[in-house]
Amino acid sequence: MIAYILATCVPGNEKEVIAKMKGLPNVTEVNGVMGKYDIFVKIEAKDPSKVDAAISKARNVEHITSTVTMPAIYGQGGTVDDA
């Protein structure tokens, strides 16, 4: 299972939030981005409960002000089809 999170954080805390996100279990990619959101997070695990737990932890990282979570849909393209 794959899920993506788009997060906004308190301005000036992006590097700290990215560092904390990188240390979370099942987080496979974290990038700062420009635009409406500040941080892109990719979460991957075979067990959906591990993805859910990682999402909960990511959403509770200090200085995160809002998130949008997008679980990938299997069978609709991308690397998800290869799994």
Protein backbone atom coordinates (compact mmCIF):
# COMPACT_ATOMS: atom_id res chain seq x y z
CA MET A 1 0.00 0.00 0.00
CA ILE A 2 1.19 3.50 -0.80
CA ALA A 3 -0.05 6.81 0.56
CA TYR A 4 1.07 10.36 -0.07
CA ILE A 5 0.81 13.28 2.33
CA LEU A 6 0.94 16.93 1.39
CA ALA A 7 1.68 18.95 4.52
CA THR A 8 1.88 22.58 5.49
CA CYS A 9 3.92 23.69 8.46
CA VAL A 10 4.77 26.76 10.47
CA PRO A 11 7.00 28.93 8.25
CA GLY A 12 10.69 28.54 9.02
CA ASN A 13 10.30 25.01 10.44
CA GLU A 14 10.42 23.08 7.17
CA LYS A 15 13.89 21.56 7.67
CA GLU A 16 13.04 20.41 11.20
CA VAL A 17 9.75 18.85 10.07
CA ILE A 18 11.43 17.13 7.10
CA ALA A 19 14.09 15.66 9.40
CA LYS A 20 11.42 14.31 11.77
CA MET A 21 9.38 12.88 8.89
CA LYS A 22 12.42 11.06 7.48
CA GLY A 23 12.80 9.24 10.80
CA LEU A 24 9.28 7.82 10.86
CA PRO A 25 8.73 4.13 10.09
CA ASN A 26 7.53 3.32 6.56
CA VAL A 27 8.29 6.82 5.26
CA THR A 28 10.20 6.23 2.02
CA GLU A 29 10.47 9.76 0.64
CA VAL A 30 10.25 13.30 1.99
CA ASN A 31 10.76 16.48 -0.02
CA GLY A 32 10.23 20.15 0.54
CA VAL A 33 7.99 21.59 -2.18
CA MET A 34 6.90 25.05 -3.25
CA GLY A 35 3.30 26.15 -3.62
CA LYS A 36 0.23 25.61 -1.48
CA TYR A 37 1.99 22.84 0.48
CA ASP A 38 5.43 22.78 2.09
CA ILE A 39 6.28 19.08 2.33
CA PHE A 40 5.61 15.94 0.28
CA VAL A 41 5.74 12.59 2.10
CA LYS A 42 5.51 9.09 0.62
CA ILE A 43 4.58 6.17 2.87
CA GLU A 44 4.84 2.51 1.81
CA ALA A 45 4.08 -0.79 3.57
CA LYS A 46 2.52 -4.12 2.69
CA ASP A 47 0.33 -4.01 5.80
CA PRO A 48 -2.36 -1.28 5.63
CA SER A 49 -2.30 -0.90 9.42
CA LYS A 50 1.37 0.12 9.21
CA VAL A 51 0.49 2.77 6.63
CA ASP A 52 -2.31 4.04 8.86
CA ALA A 53 0.06 4.21 11.84
CA ALA A 54 2.68 6.10 9.80
CA ILE A 55 0.05 8.57 8.59
CA SER A 56 -1.07 9.23 12.17
CA LYS A 57 2.51 9.80 13.30
CA ALA A 58 3.26 12.09 10.36
CA ARG A 59 0.15 14.17 10.97
CA ASN A 60 1.20 14.70 14.59
CA VAL A 61 4.74 15.93 13.92
CA GLU A 62 5.33 19.21 15.74
CA HIS A 63 4.88 22.35 13.57
CA ILE A 64 2.56 20.63 11.05
CA THR A 65 -0.48 22.87 10.62
CA SER A 66 -2.48 20.85 8.06
CA THR A 67 -2.25 17.77 5.87
CA VAL A 68 -3.93 16.18 2.88
CA THR A 69 -3.58 12.40 2.71
CA MET A 70 -3.97 10.53 -0.57
CA PRO A 71 -3.91 6.71 -0.60
CA ALA A 72 -2.92 5.32 -3.99
CA ILE A 73 -5.50 3.27 -5.91
CA TYR A 74 -4.17 -0.04 -7.16
CA GLY A 75 -4.73 -0.74 -10.84
CA GLN A 76 -4.76 2.88 -11.98
CA GLY A 77 -1.20 3.38 -13.16
CA GLY A 78 2.20 4.16 -11.76
CA THR A 79 4.37 1.89 -9.66
CA VAL A 80 1.31 0.71 -7.76
CA ASP A 81 0.46 -1.56 -10.72
CA ASP A 82 3.87 -3.21 -10.43
CA ALA A 83 3.34 -4.25 -6.80
